[in-house]
């Protein structure tokens, strides 16, 4: 028996070595090819244009290579080999213990994080492991229907309230809205079997009910960010009577279109086996994936950014974004598995074929006013994935705003706060009078 176990360990370990070698070979080959093409693209250019041209060509070429079948197969095989090895060495148990320790540590850090540069808010405890923030205002709201911001399951909610001058929360508040937001908090091993249905029914539905109870409003304006937009779509299809208007912000839904790098990787991952092994999806897994998309940009962005003098506000903004990017939380396993399998791989949501428990999620039942915000340079959620939503829903009052920036730029860029968010505000005010 001991010999059999030793043989099992040897085979699993050897497989990881082999698959890791294949993966790094494909990754390095992609790097070299992208670097070579980027170098050739700068031939004959003036010196001041070389850097921008090199970075642009490298980025385009490298992302293209990372979506090709040989690389995706190598990545999938490497991940699969490690998933097999992890339980043998107890890495799955180590991760679960580390996750609980991180949760306890985060309980002390969270109150500090939530007051630095944030719009003052009152925390409304909810049944379950999440909270609702009510943002305090010094004046009485002009509009009776409140806004409930539904955050993503991947990153923390405060990207929408990162700094006072780039706060979407504060913008809505200044327009005269009573603003609330979900905070999904730090999940633990006790949450790993929570499904997408639990999020939609037990969490989001309870959040809507609580906001309506506090404000006396019959319904809410839902604002869904990224995967929070997926939840908002699902809830609006199942309970349209509770939603006055729906704003979707960089929401992925249609995966029959050209995918981004991360979307391609996720559709090649055996998520069932991954979740069975680790429970919740580790936050470091996501951070590594983000870095792998463009290691050149990740390694050089600090030197590029600080190559010219910056004022205090600019530095504070840069550091705030960087801290948010790597302040990821684990994603609850079963919910992650359903989103990837049903929405990313099978594309059921946009086809109105997705089941949530025993209920069919039919987006054609959405007839309320809908505003769909799309970042045309978004490399996390493709513009094609978001655009289709406007066509599928039955609303007659619907609009798509396409803005030339990326995923985070939609939230915090100067151009977005100068042009995009005033337009969003006007749209919302017209439907709130």
Protein backbone atom coordinates (compact mmCIF):
# COMPACT_ATOMS: atom_id res chain seq x y z
CA UNK A 1 0.00 0.00 0.00
CA UNK A 2 2.80 2.41 0.92
CA UNK A 3 4.58 1.59 -2.34
CA UNK A 4 1.34 2.24 -4.23
CA UNK A 5 0.91 5.63 -2.55
CA UNK A 6 4.53 6.53 -3.22
CA UNK A 7 4.05 5.61 -6.88
CA UNK A 8 0.91 7.77 -7.00
CA UNK A 9 2.83 10.74 -5.58
CA UNK A 10 5.69 10.20 -8.01
CA UNK A 11 3.38 10.08 -11.03
CA UNK A 12 1.44 13.19 -9.94
CA UNK A 13 4.62 15.13 -9.19
CA UNK A 14 6.25 14.08 -12.46
CA UNK A 15 3.13 15.13 -14.34
CA UNK A 16 3.27 18.60 -12.79
CA UNK A 17 6.93 18.96 -13.78
CA UNK A 18 6.18 17.88 -17.33
CA UNK A 19 3.10 20.07 -17.75
CA UNK A 20 4.78 23.08 -16.14
CA UNK A 21 7.68 22.75 -18.59
CA UNK A 22 5.24 22.65 -21.52
CA UNK A 23 3.33 25.63 -20.17
CA UNK A 24 6.39 27.82 -19.57
CA UNK A 25 7.75 26.87 -22.98
CA UNK A 26 4.56 28.05 -24.66
CA UNK A 27 4.43 31.18 -22.52
CA UNK A 28 8.04 32.13 -23.22
CA UNK A 29 7.61 31.40 -26.91
CA UNK A 30 4.63 33.77 -26.97
CA UNK A 31 6.69 36.42 -25.16
CA UNK A 32 9.59 36.13 -27.62
CA UNK A 33 7.34 36.26 -30.68
CA UNK A 34 5.43 39.28 -29.36
CA UNK A 35 8.70 41.02 -28.41
CA UNK A 36 10.15 40.37 -31.87
CA UNK A 37 7.10 41.71 -33.67
CA UNK A 38 6.98 44.76 -31.39
CA UNK A 39 10.63 45.48 -32.11
CA UNK A 40 10.11 45.30 -35.87
CA UNK A 41 7.10 47.61 -35.64
CA UNK A 42 9.30 50.46 -34.34
CA UNK A 43 11.69 50.39 -37.28
CA UNK A 44 12.09 53.86 -38.80
CA UNK A 45 10.00 55.63 -36.15
CA UNK A 46 11.06 58.80 -34.39
CA UNK A 47 12.47 58.21 -30.93
CA UNK A 48 9.54 59.77 -29.06
CA UNK A 49 7.11 57.36 -30.77
CA UNK A 50 9.07 54.15 -30.27
CA UNK A 51 7.97 53.40 -26.70
CA UNK A 52 4.23 53.76 -27.35
CA UNK A 53 4.42 51.79 -30.59
CA UNK A 54 6.43 48.98 -28.95
CA UNK A 55 4.02 48.67 -26.01
CA UNK A 56 0.95 48.75 -28.23
CA UNK A 57 2.21 46.12 -30.68
CA UNK A 58 3.54 43.88 -27.90
CA UNK A 59 0.24 44.05 -26.05
CA UNK A 60 -1.84 43.20 -29.13
CA UNK A 61 0.43 40.39 -30.32
CA UNK A 62 0.94 38.84 -26.88
CA UNK A 63 -2.78 38.77 -26.09
CA UNK A 64 -3.40 37.14 -29.45
CA UNK A 65 -0.84 34.42 -28.71
CA UNK A 66 -2.29 33.77 -25.26
CA UNK A 67 -5.67 32.94 -26.81
CA UNK A 68 -4.29 30.39 -29.26
CA UNK A 69 -5.07 26.69 -28.77
CA UNK A 70 -1.51 25.44 -28.00
CA UNK A 71 -1.08 27.92 -25.15
CA UNK A 72 -4.59 27.40 -23.74
CA UNK A 73 -4.11 23.62 -23.80
CA UNK A 74 -0.75 23.93 -22.06
CA UNK A 75 -2.22 26.19 -19.38
CA UNK A 76 -5.22 23.92 -18.85
CA UNK A 77 -3.02 20.80 -18.60
CA UNK A 78 -0.67 22.53 -16.14
CA UNK A 79 -3.56 23.68 -13.95
CA UNK A 80 -5.12 20.21 -14.10
CA UNK A 81 -1.88 18.51 -13.07
CA UNK A 82 -1.51 20.80 -10.06
CA UNK A 83 -5.16 20.30 -9.05
CA UNK A 84 -4.43 16.54 -8.99
CA UNK A 85 -1.24 17.01 -6.96
CA UNK A 86 -2.63 19.53 -4.43
CA UNK A 87 -4.64 17.06 -2.27
CA UNK A 88 -1.73 14.60 -2.17
CA UNK A 89 0.51 17.22 -0.53
CA UNK A 90 -2.32 18.77 1.47
CA UNK A 91 -2.18 22.08 -0.39
CA UNK A 92 -5.99 22.20 -0.46
CA UNK A 93 -6.15 21.99 3.35
CA UNK A 94 -3.35 24.55 3.72
CA UNK A 95 -5.26 26.94 1.50
CA UNK A 96 -8.50 26.51 3.46
CA UNK A 97 -6.69 27.22 6.75
CA UNK A 98 -4.94 30.22 5.21
CA UNK A 99 -8.28 31.46 3.89
CA UNK A 100 -9.78 31.39 7.40
CA UNK A 101 -6.73 33.22 8.81
CA UNK A 102 -7.05 35.86 6.07
CA UNK A 103 -10.73 36.26 6.92
CA UNK A 104 -9.91 36.90 10.59
CA UNK A 105 -7.16 39.37 9.66
CA UNK A 106 -9.47 41.12 7.24
CA UNK A 107 -12.05 41.63 10.00
CA UNK A 108 -9.61 44.07 11.63
CA UNK A 109 -8.54 45.79 8.39
CA UNK A 110 -11.99 46.23 6.86
CA UNK A 111 -13.16 49.12 9.10
CA UNK A 112 -9.94 51.02 8.37
CA UNK A 113 -10.19 50.39 4.61
CA UNK A 114 -13.79 51.57 4.55
CA UNK A 115 -13.07 55.03 5.99
CA UNK A 116 -9.93 56.07 4.09
CA UNK A 117 -11.04 58.47 1.34
CA UNK A 118 -14.48 56.84 1.28
CA UNK A 119 -17.88 58.50 1.26
CA UNK A 120 -19.20 58.17 4.85
CA UNK A 121 -21.55 55.22 5.15
CA UNK A 122 -23.63 53.36 7.67
CA UNK A 123 -23.24 49.57 7.62
CA UNK A 124 -26.52 47.68 7.60
CA UNK A 125 -25.94 44.11 8.84
CA UNK A 126 -27.79 41.47 6.83
CA UNK A 127 -28.66 37.83 7.38
CA UNK A 128 -25.73 35.91 5.95
CA UNK A 129 -22.14 36.90 5.33
CA UNK A 130 -22.66 40.22 3.60
CA UNK A 131 -23.52 43.82 4.38
CA UNK A 132 -25.27 46.75 2.78
CA UNK A 133 -23.69 50.20 2.98
CA UNK A 134 -25.95 53.24 3.20
CA UNK A 135 -24.03 56.33 2.15
CA UNK A 136 -24.79 59.26 4.40
CA UNK A 137 -25.87 62.54 2.85
CA UNK A 138 -26.06 65.97 4.45
CA UNK A 139 -29.18 66.83 2.47
CA UNK A 140 -32.52 65.14 1.88
CA UNK A 141 -32.51 63.08 -1.35
CA UNK A 142 -34.36 64.69 -4.28
CA UNK A 143 -35.54 61.38 -5.68
CA UNK A 144 -37.65 58.87 -3.81
CA UNK A 145 -36.36 55.76 -5.60
CA UNK A 146 -32.95 54.81 -4.14
CA UNK A 147 -29.98 53.34 -6.01
CA UNK A 148 -28.68 49.94 -4.95
CA UNK A 149 -25.18 49.30 -6.30
CA UNK A 150 -24.46 45.59 -6.76
CA UNK A 151 -20.74 44.92 -6.58
CA UNK A 152 -18.75 42.26 -8.39
CA UNK A 153 -17.96 38.93 -6.74
CA UNK A 154 -14.33 39.21 -7.86
CA UNK A 155 -13.08 42.56 -6.53
CA UNK A 156 -14.09 44.69 -3.61
CA UNK A 157 -16.93 47.16 -3.99
CA UNK A 158 -14.95 50.29 -3.17
CA UNK A 159 -13.62 50.76 -6.73
CA UNK A 160 -16.86 52.72 -7.22
CA UNK A 161 -15.88 54.96 -4.29
CA UNK A 162 -12.09 54.91 -4.55
CA UNK A 163 -11.33 58.62 -4.10
CA UNK A 164 -13.60 61.66 -3.66
CA UNK A 165 -12.88 63.10 -7.13
CA UNK A 166 -13.46 59.74 -8.87
CA UNK A 167 -16.33 58.37 -6.81
CA UNK A 168 -19.37 57.13 -8.72
CA UNK A 169 -21.14 56.74 -5.37
CA UNK A 170 -20.55 60.40 -4.54
CA UNK A 171 -21.62 61.45 -8.04
CA UNK A 172 -25.01 59.74 -7.63
CA UNK A 173 -25.32 61.23 -4.17
CA UNK A 174 -24.64 64.74 -5.46
CA UNK A 175 -27.34 64.27 -8.08
CA UNK A 176 -29.82 63.81 -5.25
CA UNK A 177 -30.11 60.02 -4.95
CA UNK A 178 -30.18 57.95 -1.79
CA UNK A 179 -27.37 55.45 -2.43
CA UNK A 180 -26.84 51.94 -1.07
CA UNK A 181 -24.28 49.28 -2.05
CA UNK A 182 -23.70 45.59 -1.41
CA UNK A 183 -20.46 44.48 0.22
CA UNK A 184 -20.06 40.73 -0.28
CA UNK A 185 -17.25 40.70 2.30
CA UNK A 186 -14.51 38.06 2.57
CA UNK A 187 -15.90 34.54 1.99
CA UNK A 188 -14.64 31.56 3.99
CA UNK A 189 -14.73 27.78 3.75
CA UNK A 190 -18.20 27.97 5.32
CA UNK A 191 -19.47 29.70 2.16
CA UNK A 192 -17.90 27.54 -0.54
CA UNK A 193 -21.13 25.65 -1.35
CA UNK A 194 -23.22 28.78 -1.75
CA UNK A 195 -24.76 28.83 -5.23
CA UNK A 196 -25.59 31.61 -7.64
CA UNK A 197 -29.24 31.08 -6.67
CA UNK A 198 -28.30 31.83 -3.06
CA UNK A 199 -26.72 35.12 -4.15
CA UNK A 200 -29.75 36.11 -6.23
CA UNK A 201 -32.42 35.04 -3.73
CA UNK A 202 -30.94 35.04 -0.23
CA UNK A 203 -28.54 37.95 -0.69
CA UNK A 204 -29.60 40.33 -3.44
CA UNK A 205 -33.31 39.84 -2.87
CA UNK A 206 -32.86 40.49 0.85
CA UNK A 207 -30.77 43.58 0.08
CA UNK A 208 -33.51 44.98 -2.18
CA UNK A 209 -36.16 44.22 0.46
CA UNK A 210 -34.10 45.94 3.17
CA UNK A 211 -33.51 49.09 1.07
CA UNK A 212 -37.22 49.27 0.22
CA UNK A 213 -38.06 48.84 3.90
CA UNK A 214 -35.71 51.65 4.98
CA UNK A 215 -36.71 54.11 2.27
CA UNK A 216 -40.40 53.25 1.90
CA UNK A 217 -39.89 52.96 -1.86
CA UNK A 218 -41.78 50.34 -3.86
CA UNK A 219 -38.70 49.54 -5.93
CA UNK A 220 -35.03 50.42 -6.51
CA UNK A 221 -32.72 51.53 -9.28
CA UNK A 222 -30.25 48.67 -9.67
CA UNK A 223 -26.66 49.42 -10.68
CA UNK A 224 -24.66 46.27 -11.46
CA UNK A 225 -20.87 46.36 -11.83
CA UNK A 226 -19.12 43.53 -13.75
CA UNK A 227 -20.31 40.20 -12.25
CA UNK A 228 -22.63 42.30 -10.09
CA UNK A 229 -24.26 43.16 -13.42
CA UNK A 230 -24.87 39.45 -14.00
CA UNK A 231 -26.63 39.24 -10.63
CA UNK A 232 -28.61 42.39 -11.43
CA UNK A 233 -29.70 40.99 -14.80
CA UNK A 234 -30.84 37.75 -13.18
CA UNK A 235 -32.71 39.54 -10.40
CA UNK A 236 -34.38 41.96 -12.83
CA UNK A 237 -35.56 39.05 -15.00
CA UNK A 238 -37.01 37.21 -11.99
CA UNK A 239 -38.38 40.21 -10.07
CA UNK A 240 -38.98 43.08 -12.54
CA UNK A 241 -41.65 44.53 -10.24
CA UNK A 242 -38.94 45.47 -7.71
CA UNK A 243 -36.67 47.30 -10.17
CA UNK A 244 -37.51 50.75 -11.54
CA UNK A 245 -34.47 51.00 -13.82
CA UNK A 246 -31.35 48.95 -14.45
CA UNK A 247 -27.84 50.24 -15.15
CA UNK A 248 -25.26 47.69 -16.25
CA UNK A 249 -21.59 48.59 -16.00
CA UNK A 250 -19.05 46.42 -17.90
CA UNK A 251 -21.27 43.35 -17.58
CA UNK A 252 -20.25 40.12 -19.37
CA UNK A 253 -23.14 38.12 -20.81
CA UNK A 254 -22.58 36.90 -24.37
CA UNK A 255 -19.73 34.45 -24.86
CA UNK A 256 -20.50 33.57 -28.43
CA UNK A 257 -18.40 36.58 -29.42
CA UNK A 258 -14.66 37.25 -29.50
CA UNK A 259 -13.42 36.55 -25.95
CA UNK A 260 -10.77 38.36 -23.94
CA UNK A 261 -7.66 36.51 -22.74
CA UNK A 262 -9.10 35.77 -19.30
CA UNK A 263 -12.43 34.66 -20.77
CA UNK A 264 -10.55 32.25 -23.04
CA UNK A 265 -8.55 30.81 -20.15
CA UNK A 266 -11.61 30.36 -17.95
CA UNK A 267 -13.52 28.48 -20.62
CA UNK A 268 -10.59 26.04 -20.91
CA UNK A 269 -10.40 25.40 -17.15
CA UNK A 270 -11.93 22.32 -15.50
CA UNK A 271 -13.75 24.45 -12.93
CA UNK A 272 -15.61 21.50 -11.39
CA UNK A 273 -12.39 19.78 -10.41
CA UNK A 274 -10.83 23.08 -9.33
CA UNK A 275 -13.73 23.92 -6.99
CA UNK A 276 -13.91 20.36 -5.67
CA UNK A 277 -10.24 20.61 -4.68
CA UNK A 278 -9.97 24.14 -3.29
CA UNK A 279 -13.56 25.08 -2.44
CA UNK A 280 -13.39 28.82 -3.00
CA UNK A 281 -11.25 30.19 -5.82
CA UNK A 282 -8.07 31.65 -4.26
CA UNK A 283 -7.56 35.38 -4.72
CA UNK A 284 -3.90 34.81 -5.64
CA UNK A 285 -5.08 32.66 -8.54
CA UNK A 286 -6.83 35.70 -10.00
CA UNK A 287 -3.93 38.05 -9.30
CA UNK A 288 -1.48 35.72 -11.08
CA UNK A 289 -3.86 35.50 -14.05
CA UNK A 290 -4.07 39.31 -14.23
CA UNK A 291 -0.27 39.59 -14.21
CA UNK A 292 0.18 36.89 -16.85
CA UNK A 293 -1.95 38.82 -19.36
CA UNK A 294 0.83 41.36 -19.86
CA UNK A 295 4.00 40.88 -17.78
CA UNK A 296 5.76 43.71 -19.63
CA UNK A 297 3.16 46.26 -18.56
CA UNK A 298 3.07 44.88 -15.02
CA UNK A 299 6.86 45.04 -14.60
CA UNK A 300 7.39 48.44 -16.21
CA UNK A 301 4.31 50.43 -15.24
CA UNK A 302 5.91 51.87 -12.10
CA UNK A 303 8.98 53.11 -13.94
CA UNK A 304 6.81 54.44 -16.80
CA UNK A 305 4.43 56.19 -14.43
CA UNK A 306 7.10 57.83 -12.29
CA UNK A 307 9.35 58.73 -15.24
CA UNK A 308 7.74 62.18 -15.13
CA UNK A 309 7.00 64.31 -12.05
CA UNK A 310 3.58 63.68 -10.46
CA UNK A 311 1.65 65.74 -7.97
CA UNK A 312 0.34 64.35 -4.68
CA UNK A 313 -3.18 63.71 -6.01
CA UNK A 314 -1.91 61.80 -9.02
CA UNK A 315 0.33 59.60 -6.88
CA UNK A 316 -2.49 58.96 -4.39
CA UNK A 317 -4.79 57.91 -7.21
CA UNK A 318 -2.19 55.59 -8.75
CA UNK A 319 -1.45 53.89 -5.41
CA UNK A 320 -5.16 53.62 -4.59
CA UNK A 321 -5.83 51.80 -7.86
CA UNK A 322 -2.84 49.51 -7.35
CA UNK A 323 -3.96 48.58 -3.84
CA UNK A 324 -7.48 47.84 -5.09
CA UNK A 325 -6.22 45.69 -7.98
CA UNK A 326 -4.45 43.28 -5.63
CA UNK A 327 -6.99 43.53 -2.81
CA UNK A 328 -8.89 40.60 -4.30
CA UNK A 329 -11.07 38.22 -2.33
CA UNK A 330 -11.67 34.51 -2.91
CA UNK A 331 -14.67 33.74 -5.13
CA UNK A 332 -17.25 31.39 -3.63
CA UNK A 333 -16.68 28.05 -5.32
CA UNK A 334 -20.15 26.84 -6.37
CA UNK A 335 -21.22 30.27 -7.61
CA UNK A 336 -17.99 30.54 -9.62
CA UNK A 337 -18.53 27.08 -11.07
CA UNK A 338 -22.05 27.92 -12.26
CA UNK A 339 -21.06 31.27 -13.76
CA UNK A 340 -18.18 29.73 -15.72
CA UNK A 341 -20.02 26.58 -16.83
CA UNK A 342 -23.47 28.04 -17.56
CA UNK A 343 -22.61 31.57 -18.71
CA UNK A 344 -19.04 31.46 -20.03
CA UNK A 345 -18.89 27.94 -21.49
CA UNK A 346 -22.50 27.13 -22.45
CA UNK A 347 -23.57 30.77 -23.03
CA UNK A 348 -26.99 30.03 -21.50
CA UNK A 349 -27.74 33.44 -19.98
CA UNK A 350 -27.86 35.44 -23.20
CA UNK A 351 -29.83 32.61 -24.88
CA UNK A 352 -32.49 32.72 -22.13
CA UNK A 353 -31.80 29.07 -21.27
CA UNK A 354 -30.13 29.43 -17.88
CA UNK A 355 -31.78 27.78 -14.88
CA UNK A 356 -31.44 29.23 -11.40
CA UNK A 357 -32.60 26.40 -9.21
CA UNK A 358 -35.96 25.53 -10.78
CA UNK A 359 -36.49 28.96 -12.35
CA UNK A 360 -35.68 29.91 -15.93
CA UNK A 361 -33.81 33.20 -16.28
CA UNK A 362 -35.50 34.81 -19.28
CA UNK A 363 -33.95 38.20 -20.11
CA UNK A 364 -36.88 38.93 -22.42
CA UNK A 365 -38.95 39.51 -19.26
CA UNK A 366 -36.93 42.66 -18.58
CA UNK A 367 -39.09 45.55 -19.78
CA UNK A 368 -37.88 48.30 -17.45
CA UNK A 369 -35.58 51.13 -18.61
CA UNK A 370 -32.04 49.79 -19.10
CA UNK A 371 -28.75 51.62 -19.59
CA UNK A 372 -25.85 49.45 -20.74
CA UNK A 373 -22.36 50.96 -20.22
CA UNK A 374 -19.61 49.37 -22.31
CA UNK A 375 -15.86 50.03 -22.28
CA UNK A 376 -14.62 49.65 -25.85
CA UNK A 377 -11.02 49.16 -24.63
CA UNK A 378 -11.97 46.75 -21.84
CA UNK A 379 -9.57 43.78 -21.83
CA UNK A 380 -11.35 41.98 -18.97
CA UNK A 381 -14.92 42.09 -20.26
CA UNK A 382 -15.09 42.32 -24.04
CA UNK A 383 -17.33 44.99 -25.52
CA UNK A 384 -18.94 42.29 -27.69
CA UNK A 385 -19.90 40.34 -24.57
CA UNK A 386 -21.78 43.34 -23.14
CA UNK A 387 -23.33 44.84 -26.28
CA UNK A 388 -25.70 41.96 -26.97
CA UNK A 389 -27.62 42.51 -23.72
CA UNK A 390 -29.36 45.58 -25.13
CA UNK A 391 -30.66 43.55 -28.07
CA UNK A 392 -31.91 40.59 -26.03
CA UNK A 393 -33.99 42.37 -23.37
CA UNK A 394 -37.55 43.46 -24.24
CA UNK A 395 -37.33 47.01 -22.91
CA UNK A 396 -38.42 49.74 -25.29
CA UNK A 397 -36.56 52.31 -23.20
CA UNK A 398 -33.00 51.04 -23.53
CA UNK A 399 -29.69 52.59 -24.39
CA UNK A 400 -26.06 51.56 -24.82
CA UNK A 401 -23.24 53.98 -24.04
CA UNK A 402 -19.87 52.94 -25.44
CA UNK A 403 -16.92 54.76 -23.94
CA UNK A 404 -13.29 54.51 -25.16
CA UNK A 405 -11.60 53.25 -22.01
CA UNK A 406 -10.89 50.05 -20.10
CA UNK A 407 -12.53 48.18 -17.24
CA UNK A 408 -11.11 50.28 -14.42
CA UNK A 409 -11.01 53.45 -16.54
CA UNK A 410 -14.81 53.42 -16.70
CA UNK A 411 -14.77 53.90 -12.93
CA UNK A 412 -11.92 56.29 -12.27
CA UNK A 413 -10.60 58.03 -15.39
CA UNK A 414 -10.85 61.81 -15.70
CA UNK A 415 -12.50 61.51 -19.10
CA UNK A 416 -15.17 59.17 -17.74
CA UNK A 417 -16.03 61.54 -14.90
CA UNK A 418 -16.06 64.50 -17.26
CA UNK A 419 -18.20 62.97 -20.02
CA UNK A 420 -19.59 59.52 -19.20
CA UNK A 421 -20.98 59.84 -15.69
CA UNK A 422 -22.77 63.17 -16.28
CA UNK A 423 -24.56 61.46 -19.20
CA UNK A 424 -25.42 58.48 -17.00
CA UNK A 425 -26.72 60.85 -14.34
CA UNK A 426 -28.97 62.67 -16.78
CA UNK A 427 -30.39 59.39 -18.05
CA UNK A 428 -31.16 58.28 -14.50
CA UNK A 429 -32.69 61.61 -13.44
CA UNK A 430 -35.04 61.63 -16.43
CA UNK A 431 -36.44 58.28 -15.31
CA UNK A 432 -36.68 59.21 -11.66
CA UNK A 433 -38.96 62.26 -11.81
